[in-house]
Amino acid sequence: MTKNFIQVLIVPGYTGSGPGHWQTLWEQKHPEYRRVVQRDWHHPDLEEWITVLDAAIQGSSSPVVLVAHSLGCILIAHWQLRHSGDVHGALLVAPADAERDDAPAPVRSFSPIPLQPLPFPSLVVASSNDPYVSLERAQYFAKNWGSRFISMGACGHIDTTAGFGPWRRGEVLLGNLMRGGISKDE
């Protein structure tokens, strides 16, 4: 690997990202991307998931950019409280609100959601009609994490069910983040 190489780590959330999910499609398009693989996607265990994420970050021989979806975003917030690593940035898409009363029990086990600033550049991307997080809560997470915030409008959970396949705009946002940031016009 070259010195300037940045490793993209895909961090799925609860139930993983299936075959048509944009995270999976990005991996297929970019074989150099690596997925953080949890033992059980349907019964997330916070401690185990943190350990697996940390091993993936520490095991990279170059800086990483984390690309998280849903509960994966909350996992990163928990990870950074206990660990550090060479993280260049994080793209946090549709963060699941683990504190919602109607959240599945495995998701609620990631409560309380850490609200400390992330020690690396980050971007929270959310939707105004996500069934798993309100736009206001996503903005609240972004503010507390010190993240830039982008509203995608009404587009569900930014997943396969909401009609997202390859998600070209997400790839552009990731590219900008990897190059050093997100402009005000994003």
C-alpha atoms as a PDB file:
ATOM      1  CA  MET A   1       0.000   0.000   0.000  1.00  0.00           C
ATOM      2  CA  THR A   2       1.159   3.493  -0.713  1.00  0.00           C
ATOM      3  CA  LYS A   3       1.635   6.020   2.037  1.00  0.00           C
ATOM      4  CA  ASN A   4      -1.318   8.102   0.788  1.00  0.00           C
ATOM      5  CA  PHE A   5      -3.706   5.141   0.604  1.00  0.00           C
ATOM      6  CA  ILE A   6      -6.860   5.486   2.699  1.00  0.00           C
ATOM      7  CA  GLN A   7      -8.677   2.284   3.606  1.00  0.00           C
ATOM      8  CA  VAL A   8     -12.469   2.486   3.383  1.00  0.00           C
ATOM      9  CA  LEU A   9     -14.150   0.393   6.060  1.00  0.00           C
ATOM     10  CA  ILE A  10     -17.835  -0.338   5.484  1.00  0.00           C
ATOM     11  CA  VAL A  11     -19.720  -0.462   8.812  1.00  0.00           C
ATOM     12  CA  PRO A  12     -23.245  -1.893   8.362  1.00  0.00           C
ATOM     13  CA  GLY A  13     -25.919  -1.662  11.014  1.00  0.00           C
ATOM     14  CA  TYR A  14     -28.587  -3.929  12.433  1.00  0.00           C
ATOM     15  CA  THR A  15     -29.266  -6.912  10.103  1.00  0.00           C
ATOM     16  CA  GLY A  16     -26.218  -6.016   7.964  1.00  0.00           C
ATOM     17  CA  SER A  17     -26.473  -4.630   4.467  1.00  0.00           C
ATOM     18  CA  GLY A  18     -28.022  -7.064   2.013  1.00  0.00           C
ATOM     19  CA  PRO A  19     -27.068  -7.751  -1.594  1.00  0.00           C
ATOM     20  CA  GLY A  20     -28.785  -4.686  -3.095  1.00  0.00           C
ATOM     21  CA  HIS A  21     -27.750  -2.208  -0.387  1.00  0.00           C
ATOM     22  CA  TRP A  22     -25.519   0.671  -1.489  1.00  0.00           C
ATOM     23  CA  GLN A  23     -22.811  -0.400   0.994  1.00  0.00           C
ATOM     24  CA  THR A  24     -22.646  -3.855  -0.614  1.00  0.00           C
ATOM     25  CA  LEU A  25     -22.721  -2.396  -4.121  1.00  0.00           C
ATOM     26  CA  TRP A  26     -19.849  -0.062  -3.239  1.00  0.00           C
ATOM     27  CA  GLU A  27     -17.832  -3.034  -2.000  1.00  0.00           C
ATOM     28  CA  GLN A  28     -18.455  -4.877  -5.256  1.00  0.00           C
ATOM     29  CA  LYS A  29     -17.438  -1.823  -7.275  1.00  0.00           C
ATOM     30  CA  HIS A  30     -14.349  -1.184  -5.106  1.00  0.00           C
ATOM     31  CA  PRO A  31     -12.740  -4.493  -4.082  1.00  0.00           C
ATOM     32  CA  GLU A  32     -10.199  -2.547  -2.012  1.00  0.00           C
ATOM     33  CA  TYR A  33     -12.980  -1.527   0.403  1.00  0.00           C
ATOM     34  CA  ARG A  34     -13.292  -3.769   3.465  1.00  0.00           C
ATOM     35  CA  ARG A  35     -16.448  -4.634   5.375  1.00  0.00           C
ATOM     36  CA  VAL A  36     -16.449  -4.833   9.161  1.00  0.00           C
ATOM     37  CA  VAL A  37     -18.054  -8.260   9.596  1.00  0.00           C
ATOM     38  CA  GLN A  38     -19.958  -8.880  12.806  1.00  0.00           C
ATOM     39  CA  ARG A  39     -20.657 -12.414  14.045  1.00  0.00           C
ATOM     40  CA  ASP A  40     -24.405 -11.852  14.360  1.00  0.00           C
ATOM     41  CA  TRP A  41     -26.138  -9.054  12.465  1.00  0.00           C
ATOM     42  CA  HIS A  42     -29.553  -9.841  13.974  1.00  0.00           C
ATOM     43  CA  HIS A  43     -28.535  -9.882  17.646  1.00  0.00           C
ATOM     44  CA  PRO A  44     -26.035  -7.035  17.972  1.00  0.00           C
ATOM     45  CA  ASP A  45     -23.930  -7.076  21.109  1.00  0.00           C
ATOM     46  CA  LEU A  46     -22.436  -3.653  21.800  1.00  0.00           C
ATOM     47  CA  GLU A  47     -19.239  -4.914  23.437  1.00  0.00           C
ATOM     48  CA  GLU A  48     -18.614  -7.492  20.738  1.00  0.00           C
ATOM     49  CA  TRP A  49     -19.358  -5.060  17.929  1.00  0.00           C
ATOM     50  CA  ILE A  50     -16.983  -2.464  19.415  1.00  0.00           C
ATOM     51  CA  THR A  51     -14.234  -5.100  19.675  1.00  0.00           C
ATOM     52  CA  VAL A  52     -14.719  -6.183  16.058  1.00  0.00           C
ATOM     53  CA  LEU A  53     -14.728  -2.574  14.812  1.00  0.00           C
ATOM     54  CA  ASP A  54     -11.591  -1.776  16.798  1.00  0.00           C
ATOM     55  CA  ALA A  55      -9.802  -4.830  15.405  1.00  0.00           C
ATOM     56  CA  ALA A  56     -10.642  -3.726  11.856  1.00  0.00           C
ATOM     57  CA  ILE A  57      -9.385  -0.190  12.469  1.00  0.00           C
ATOM     58  CA  GLN A  58      -6.233  -1.296  14.274  1.00  0.00           C
ATOM     59  CA  GLY A  59      -5.605  -3.987  11.651  1.00  0.00           C
ATOM     60  CA  SER A  60      -5.405  -1.482   8.819  1.00  0.00           C
ATOM     61  CA  SER A  61      -1.914  -0.512   7.728  1.00  0.00           C
ATOM     62  CA  SER A  62      -3.189   2.876   6.543  1.00  0.00           C
ATOM     63  CA  PRO A  63      -5.618   5.548   7.744  1.00  0.00           C
ATOM     64  CA  VAL A  64      -9.281   4.569   7.497  1.00  0.00           C
ATOM     65  CA  VAL A  65     -12.488   6.269   6.487  1.00  0.00           C
ATOM     66  CA  LEU A  66     -15.525   4.717   8.121  1.00  0.00           C
ATOM     67  CA  VAL A  67     -18.697   4.420   6.027  1.00  0.00           C
ATOM     68  CA  ALA A  68     -21.508   3.599   8.430  1.00  0.00           C
ATOM     69  CA  HIS A  69     -25.216   3.069   8.017  1.00  0.00           C
ATOM     70  CA  SER A  70     -27.922   3.070  10.681  1.00  0.00           C
ATOM     71  CA  LEU A  71     -26.780   1.326  13.885  1.00  0.00           C
ATOM     72  CA  GLY A  72     -23.238   1.342  12.486  1.00  0.00           C
ATOM     73  CA  CYS A  73     -23.204   5.125  13.082  1.00  0.00           C
ATOM     74  CA  ILE A  74     -24.077   4.634  16.740  1.00  0.00           C
ATOM     75  CA  LEU A  75     -21.423   1.927  16.987  1.00  0.00           C
ATOM     76  CA  ILE A  76     -18.771   4.428  15.862  1.00  0.00           C
ATOM     77  CA  ALA A  77     -19.919   6.925  18.511  1.00  0.00           C
ATOM     78  CA  HIS A  78     -19.500   4.199  21.157  1.00  0.00           C
ATOM     79  CA  TRP A  79     -16.139   3.030  19.745  1.00  0.00           C
ATOM     80  CA  GLN A  80     -14.555   6.472  19.925  1.00  0.00           C
ATOM     81  CA  LEU A  81     -15.301   6.723  23.660  1.00  0.00           C
ATOM     82  CA  ARG A  82     -12.998   3.778  24.404  1.00  0.00           C
ATOM     83  CA  HIS A  83     -10.545   3.584  21.557  1.00  0.00           C
ATOM     84  CA  SER A  84      -8.544   5.663  19.165  1.00  0.00           C
ATOM     85  CA  GLY A  85      -7.070   4.882  15.812  1.00  0.00           C
ATOM     86  CA  ASP A  86      -5.906   6.401  12.574  1.00  0.00           C
ATOM     87  CA  VAL A  87      -9.359   7.494  11.399  1.00  0.00           C
ATOM     88  CA  HIS A  88      -9.292  10.026   8.567  1.00  0.00           C
ATOM     89  CA  GLY A  89     -13.053  10.612   8.690  1.00  0.00           C
ATOM     90  CA  ALA A  90     -16.520   9.081   8.835  1.00  0.00           C
ATOM     91  CA  LEU A  91     -19.552   9.144   6.566  1.00  0.00           C
ATOM     92  CA  LEU A  92     -22.494   8.487   8.903  1.00  0.00           C
ATOM     93  CA  VAL A  93     -25.671   7.701   6.971  1.00  0.00           C
ATOM     94  CA  ALA A  94     -29.146   7.485   8.518  1.00  0.00           C
ATOM     95  CA  PRO A  95     -28.041   7.045  12.158  1.00  0.00           C
ATOM     96  CA  ALA A  96     -30.559   4.825  13.966  1.00  0.00           C
ATOM     97  CA  ASP A  97     -32.107   6.384  17.045  1.00  0.00           C
ATOM     98  CA  ALA A  98     -31.441   3.581  19.537  1.00  0.00           C
ATOM     99  CA  GLU A  99     -33.293   5.555  22.227  1.00  0.00           C
ATOM    100  CA  ARG A 100     -36.687   5.438  20.487  1.00  0.00           C
ATOM    101  CA  ASP A 101     -39.343   3.499  22.396  1.00  0.00           C
ATOM    102  CA  ASP A 102     -40.310   1.671  19.208  1.00  0.00           C
ATOM    103  CA  ALA A 103     -36.745   0.678  18.283  1.00  0.00           C
ATOM    104  CA  PRO A 104     -36.161  -3.087  18.217  1.00  0.00           C
ATOM    105  CA  ALA A 105     -34.713  -4.381  21.497  1.00  0.00           C
ATOM    106  CA  PRO A 106     -31.334  -5.248  19.926  1.00  0.00           C
ATOM    107  CA  VAL A 107     -31.040  -1.656  18.678  1.00  0.00           C
ATOM    108  CA  ARG A 108     -32.102  -0.189  22.049  1.00  0.00           C
ATOM    109  CA  SER A 109     -29.196  -2.092  23.634  1.00  0.00           C
ATOM    110  CA  PHE A 110     -26.912   0.562  22.063  1.00  0.00           C
ATOM    111  CA  SER A 111     -28.471   3.219  24.354  1.00  0.00           C
ATOM    112  CA  PRO A 112     -27.615   5.692  25.608  1.00  0.00           C
ATOM    113  CA  ILE A 113     -26.234   7.174  22.419  1.00  0.00           C
ATOM    114  CA  PRO A 114     -22.871   8.869  23.053  1.00  0.00           C
ATOM    115  CA  LEU A 115     -23.011  12.576  22.289  1.00  0.00           C
ATOM    116  CA  GLN A 116     -19.342  13.494  22.606  1.00  0.00           C
ATOM    117  CA  PRO A 117     -17.589  15.144  19.654  1.00  0.00           C
ATOM    118  CA  LEU A 118     -15.932  12.694  17.293  1.00  0.00           C
ATOM    119  CA  PRO A 119     -12.148  13.202  17.126  1.00  0.00           C
ATOM    120  CA  PHE A 120     -12.117  13.094  13.313  1.00  0.00           C
ATOM    121  CA  PRO A 121     -14.012  14.841  10.497  1.00  0.00           C
ATOM    122  CA  SER A 122     -17.469  13.438   9.944  1.00  0.00           C
ATOM    123  CA  LEU A 123     -20.605  13.953   7.923  1.00  0.00           C
ATOM    124  CA  VAL A 124     -24.100  12.897   8.980  1.00  0.00           C
ATOM    125  CA  VAL A 125     -26.503  12.302   6.086  1.00  0.00           C
ATOM    126  CA  ALA A 126     -30.188  11.919   6.954  1.00  0.00           C
ATOM    127  CA  SER A 127     -33.678  11.896   5.517  1.00  0.00           C
ATOM    128  CA  SER A 128     -36.736  13.868   6.576  1.00  0.00           C
ATOM    129  CA  ASN A 129     -38.942  10.744   6.644  1.00  0.00           C
ATOM    130  CA  ASP A 130     -36.622   8.063   8.004  1.00  0.00           C
ATOM    131  CA  PRO A 131     -38.704   5.629  10.073  1.00  0.00           C
ATOM    132  CA  TYR A 132     -35.752   4.997  12.422  1.00  0.00           C
ATOM    133  CA  VAL A 133     -34.671   8.560  13.241  1.00  0.00           C
ATOM    134  CA  SER A 134     -36.341  11.944  12.989  1.00  0.00           C
ATOM    135  CA  LEU A 135     -34.557  14.650  11.058  1.00  0.00           C
ATOM    136  CA  GLU A 136     -34.314  16.687  14.272  1.00  0.00           C
ATOM    137  CA  ARG A 137     -32.614  13.822  16.147  1.00  0.00           C
ATOM    138  CA  ALA A 138     -30.186  13.243  13.276  1.00  0.00           C
ATOM    139  CA  GLN A 139     -29.329  16.966  13.359  1.00  0.00           C
ATOM    140  CA  TYR A 140     -28.907  16.735  17.141  1.00  0.00           C
ATOM    141  CA  PHE A 141     -26.476  13.824  16.751  1.00  0.00           C
ATOM    142  CA  ALA A 142     -24.535  15.730  14.099  1.00  0.00           C
ATOM    143  CA  LYS A 143     -24.305  18.839  16.272  1.00  0.00           C
ATOM    144  CA  ASN A 144     -23.064  16.901  19.296  1.00  0.00           C
ATOM    145  CA  TRP A 145     -20.645  14.776  17.274  1.00  0.00           C
ATOM    146  CA  GLY A 146     -19.221  17.899  15.607  1.00  0.00           C
ATOM    147  CA  SER A 147     -20.314  16.564  12.220  1.00  0.00           C
ATOM    148  CA  ARG A 148     -21.399  18.393   9.093  1.00  0.00           C
ATOM    149  CA  PHE A 149     -25.054  17.664   8.361  1.00  0.00           C
ATOM    150  CA  ILE A 150     -26.827  17.041   5.066  1.00  0.00           C
ATOM    151  CA  SER A 151     -30.552  16.446   4.675  1.00  0.00           C
ATOM    152  CA  MET A 152     -31.376  14.331   1.626  1.00  0.00           C
ATOM    153  CA  GLY A 153     -35.050  15.329   1.745  1.00  0.00           C
ATOM    154  CA  ALA A 154     -37.755  12.669   1.984  1.00  0.00           C
ATOM    155  CA  CYS A 155     -35.974   9.429   1.111  1.00  0.00           C
ATOM    156  CA  GLY A 156     -36.645   6.958   3.910  1.00  0.00           C
ATOM    157  CA  HIS A 157     -33.811   5.107   5.628  1.00  0.00           C
ATOM    158  CA  ILE A 158     -31.438   5.623   2.676  1.00  0.00           C
ATOM    159  CA  ASP A 159     -31.438   1.893   2.024  1.00  0.00           C
ATOM    160  CA  THR A 160     -32.723  -0.698  -0.430  1.00  0.00           C
ATOM    161  CA  THR A 161     -36.314  -0.437   0.836  1.00  0.00           C
ATOM    162  CA  ALA A 162     -36.220   3.301   0.098  1.00  0.00           C
ATOM    163  CA  GLY A 163     -35.062   2.592  -3.460  1.00  0.00           C
ATOM    164  CA  PHE A 164     -31.361   3.218  -3.001  1.00  0.00           C
ATOM    165  CA  GLY A 165     -29.034   1.131  -5.122  1.00  0.00           C
ATOM    166  CA  PRO A 166     -25.518   2.316  -5.970  1.00  0.00           C
ATOM    167  CA  TRP A 167     -26.175   5.844  -4.520  1.00  0.00           C
ATOM    168  CA  ARG A 168     -23.894   7.987  -6.651  1.00  0.00           C
ATOM    169  CA  ARG A 169     -24.311  11.109  -4.484  1.00  0.00           C
ATOM    170  CA  GLY A 170     -23.045   9.134  -1.481  1.00  0.00           C
ATOM    171  CA  GLU A 171     -19.949   8.146  -3.463  1.00  0.00           C
ATOM    172  CA  VAL A 172     -19.319  11.817  -4.249  1.00  0.00           C
ATOM    173  CA  LEU A 173     -19.667  12.711  -0.552  1.00  0.00           C
ATOM    174  CA  LEU A 174     -17.261   9.909   0.381  1.00  0.00           C
ATOM    175  CA  GLY A 175     -14.755  11.067  -2.235  1.00  0.00           C
ATOM    176  CA  ASN A 176     -14.890  14.618  -0.896  1.00  0.00           C
ATOM    177  CA  LEU A 177     -14.424  13.389   2.658  1.00  0.00           C
ATOM    178  CA  MET A 178     -11.434  11.274   1.615  1.00  0.00           C
ATOM    179  CA  ARG A 179      -9.864  14.301  -0.062  1.00  0.00           C
ATOM    180  CA  GLY A 180     -10.101  16.321   3.099  1.00  0.00           C
ATOM    181  CA  GLY A 181     -13.568  17.537   3.739  1.00  0.00           C
ATOM    182  CA  ILE A 182     -17.036  18.434   2.661  1.00  0.00           C
ATOM    183  CA  SER A 183     -17.788  21.832   1.189  1.00  0.00           C
ATOM    184  CA  LYS A 184     -20.614  24.028   2.404  1.00  0.00           C
ATOM    185  CA  ASP A 185     -22.377  23.389  -0.925  1.00  0.00           C
ATOM    186  CA  GLU A 186     -22.682  19.607  -0.480  1.00  0.00           C
END
